[in-house]
Protein backbone atom coordinates (compact mmCIF):
# COMPACT_ATOMS: atom_id res chain seq x y z
CA MET A 1 7.93 -19.56 38.14
CA PRO A 2 6.13 -22.88 36.77
CA ARG A 3 8.05 -24.51 33.65
CA TRP A 4 4.39 -23.51 31.55
CA TRP A 5 4.68 -20.19 32.00
CA PRO A 6 7.29 -19.67 28.72
CA SER A 7 5.48 -21.36 26.13
CA ARG A 8 1.63 -19.74 27.66
CA TRP A 9 3.20 -16.38 27.33
CA ARG A 10 4.15 -17.27 23.83
CA ILE A 11 0.37 -17.93 22.41
CA PHE A 12 -0.49 -14.88 24.43
CA CYS A 13 1.83 -13.07 22.41
CA ALA A 14 0.69 -14.48 19.57
CA ALA A 15 -3.02 -14.06 20.05
CA SER A 16 -2.76 -10.27 20.31
CA LYS A 17 -1.44 -9.56 17.00
CA VAL A 18 -4.61 -9.15 15.81
CA ASP A 19 -4.82 -5.95 17.97
CA GLY A 20 -5.18 -2.62 16.16
CA VAL A 21 -1.62 -1.72 16.13
CA SER A 22 -0.35 -5.67 14.81
CA ALA A 23 -2.96 -5.63 12.55
CA HIS A 24 -2.45 -1.80 10.86
CA ARG A 25 1.49 -3.23 11.44
CA ALA A 26 0.36 -6.24 8.94
CA ARG A 27 -1.42 -4.50 6.75
CA SER A 28 1.94 -1.85 6.39
CA LEU A 29 3.36 -5.21 5.25
CA ALA A 30 0.94 -5.67 2.83
CA ARG A 31 1.68 -2.24 0.98
CA ARG A 32 4.94 -2.87 1.52
CA LEU A 33 5.12 -6.35 -0.30
CA ALA A 34 2.58 -5.34 -3.21
CA LEU A 35 4.90 -2.12 -3.44
CA GLN A 36 7.85 -5.20 -4.08
CA ALA A 37 5.97 -6.83 -6.05
CA LEU A 38 4.55 -4.34 -8.40
CA TYR A 39 7.75 -3.06 -8.73
CA GLN A 40 9.28 -6.25 -9.88
CA LEU A 41 6.58 -7.29 -12.47
CA GLN A 42 8.04 -3.92 -14.10
CA ILE A 43 11.29 -4.86 -14.37
CA ASN A 44 10.41 -8.10 -15.03
CA PRO A 45 6.99 -8.54 -16.66
CA ARG A 46 5.09 -12.15 -16.16
CA SER A 47 1.85 -12.73 -14.34
CA TRP A 48 0.93 -11.51 -11.08
CA GLU A 49 -0.12 -14.87 -9.71
CA ASP A 50 3.21 -16.12 -10.32
CA THR A 51 4.56 -12.93 -8.12
CA HIS A 52 2.21 -13.59 -6.17
CA ARG A 53 2.97 -17.15 -5.37
CA GLN A 54 6.90 -15.58 -4.74
CA PHE A 55 6.10 -13.68 -2.35
CA VAL A 56 3.79 -15.69 -0.71
CA GLU A 57 6.99 -18.07 -0.16
CA ASP A 58 8.90 -15.86 1.74
CA PRO A 59 9.21 -16.92 5.18
CA ASP A 60 8.86 -13.43 6.21
CA ALA A 61 5.63 -13.14 4.45
CA GLU A 62 4.20 -14.57 7.67
CA ARG A 63 3.67 -11.39 9.29
CA VAL A 64 2.19 -9.84 6.39
CA ASP A 65 -1.45 -9.21 6.12
CA LEU A 66 -1.82 -11.83 3.32
CA ASP A 67 -5.40 -11.18 2.31
CA TYR A 68 -4.61 -7.74 1.55
CA PHE A 69 -1.63 -8.53 -0.09
CA LEU A 70 -3.92 -10.37 -2.80
CA GLU A 71 -5.92 -7.47 -2.89
CA LEU A 72 -3.54 -5.15 -3.71
CA LEU A 73 -2.12 -7.25 -6.39
CA LYS A 74 -4.96 -8.85 -7.72
CA ALA A 75 -6.55 -5.19 -8.33
CA ILE A 76 -3.52 -3.70 -9.37
CA ALA A 77 -1.88 -5.84 -11.74
CA PRO A 78 -4.63 -6.13 -14.55
CA ASP A 79 -5.43 -2.69 -14.01
CA ARG A 80 -2.88 -0.81 -14.97
CA GLU A 81 -3.34 1.30 -18.14
CA ARG A 82 -6.18 2.78 -16.29
CA LEU A 83 -4.40 3.65 -13.35
CA ASP A 84 -1.94 5.11 -15.50
CA ALA A 85 -4.57 6.74 -17.66
CA ARG A 86 -6.06 8.66 -14.80
CA LEU A 87 -2.13 9.61 -13.53
CA ALA A 88 -1.27 10.94 -16.47
CA LEU A 89 -3.95 13.33 -15.65
CA LEU A 90 -2.56 14.00 -12.41
CA CYS A 91 1.42 14.24 -13.13
CA GLU A 92 2.92 16.07 -15.33
CA ILE A 93 5.59 12.94 -15.63
CA PRO A 94 4.41 10.78 -18.69
CA PRO A 95 3.38 7.34 -16.07
CA HIS A 96 5.55 5.56 -18.32
CA GLU A 97 8.89 7.53 -17.20
CA LEU A 98 8.39 7.50 -13.76
CA ASP A 99 11.00 6.11 -11.09
CA PRO A 100 9.21 2.02 -11.30
CA VAL A 101 9.23 2.49 -7.42
CA GLU A 102 7.56 6.10 -7.77
CA HIS A 103 5.17 4.18 -9.96
CA ALA A 104 4.39 1.71 -7.78
CA ALA A 105 3.42 3.78 -4.55
CA LEU A 106 1.21 5.84 -6.83
CA TRP A 107 -0.63 2.88 -8.09
CA VAL A 108 -1.56 1.53 -4.26
CA GLY A 109 -2.01 4.87 -3.06
CA LEU A 110 -4.26 5.78 -6.33
CA HIS A 111 -6.14 2.21 -6.14
CA GLU A 112 -6.83 2.43 -1.90
CA LEU A 113 -8.06 6.44 -2.69
CA GLU A 114 -10.63 4.60 -5.71
CA ALA A 115 -11.96 1.16 -3.93
CA ARG A 116 -11.52 1.82 -0.04
CA PRO A 117 -13.78 4.37 0.47
CA GLU A 118 -14.07 2.94 4.58
CA LEU A 119 -9.57 4.19 4.46
CA PRO A 120 -8.94 7.65 5.17
CA TYR A 121 -7.87 9.35 2.43
CA ARG A 122 -4.76 11.31 4.74
CA VAL A 123 -3.53 6.60 5.76
CA ALA A 124 -3.60 5.96 1.85
CA LEU A 125 -0.87 8.98 1.40
CA ALA A 126 0.69 8.74 4.12
CA GLU A 127 1.33 4.53 3.47
CA ALA A 128 2.81 5.37 -0.15
CA VAL A 129 4.56 8.58 0.97
CA SER A 130 6.57 6.46 3.63
CA LEU A 131 7.09 3.34 0.80
CA THR A 132 8.56 6.02 -1.22
CA LYS A 133 10.71 7.49 1.49
CA GLN A 134 11.92 4.22 1.87
CA PHE A 135 12.30 2.92 -0.93
CA GLY A 136 12.35 5.23 -3.67
CA ALA A 137 14.68 8.36 -4.68
CA THR A 138 15.76 11.75 -2.44
CA ASP A 139 13.15 13.47 -3.16
CA GLY A 140 10.89 10.85 -4.66
CA HIS A 141 7.86 10.61 -1.66
CA LYS A 142 7.43 14.99 -2.04
CA PHE A 143 6.49 14.07 -5.53
CA VAL A 144 4.31 11.00 -4.28
CA ASN A 145 2.13 13.23 -1.76
CA ALA A 146 1.55 15.95 -4.53
CA VAL A 147 0.33 13.86 -6.80
CA LEU A 148 -1.91 11.58 -4.94
CA ASP A 149 -3.13 14.58 -3.49
CA ARG A 150 -4.45 16.01 -6.25
CA ALA A 151 -6.41 12.41 -6.79
CA ALA A 152 -7.32 12.79 -3.09
CA GLN A 153 -9.15 16.09 -4.03
CA GLU A 154 -11.05 14.69 -6.67
CA LEU A 155 -11.90 11.43 -5.67
CA ARG A 156 -13.04 12.38 -1.89
CA PRO A 157 -14.12 15.68 -2.21
CA LEU A 158 -16.26 15.66 1.10
CA GLU A 159 -13.22 13.96 3.48
CA TYR A 160 -10.87 16.18 1.43
CA GLY A 161 -12.20 19.50 2.51
CA VAL A 162 -13.27 18.53 6.24
CA PRO A 163 -10.63 19.63 8.54
CA ALA A 164 -8.19 17.27 10.63
CA GLY A 165 -10.59 15.41 13.31
CA GLN A 166 -13.93 16.42 12.37
CA SER A 167 -16.37 13.56 10.43
CA ALA A 168 -17.46 13.82 7.02
CA GLY A 169 -20.38 13.06 7.00
């Protein structure tokens, strides 16, 4: 085997990271980073720009869709009061009493339901629930699922009413 083979393999592998699976994973990692940043903003209030800078400088951030991470943080951090007002209508627990991880997951999920109509509501729910399972309290994912399910019914009534596998249009 020629000596150049390993380096070409690395180049090929790096180029293939744009496929659907890797892009999906990078977007999931962006949500995870956003959850962590929003958690931190609740515990240690400071500007979202400083928090963004801190997270982007982490060496592990190279695997993340940094554009989507920026989009999430830039949209959610300054809009938390409005998102909390909507959450207050969707759940029985006042937003200020929510667990910080569940609170951050709800912000991410609610934002995606409102601002990303091209993203299926089931994906927004599944991602928020997955993050809560990973970082939240034992049954926190059930609460997040229930609240975001109510939000999806309100925000995406046509999509919500369509059985899985069928088109809404």
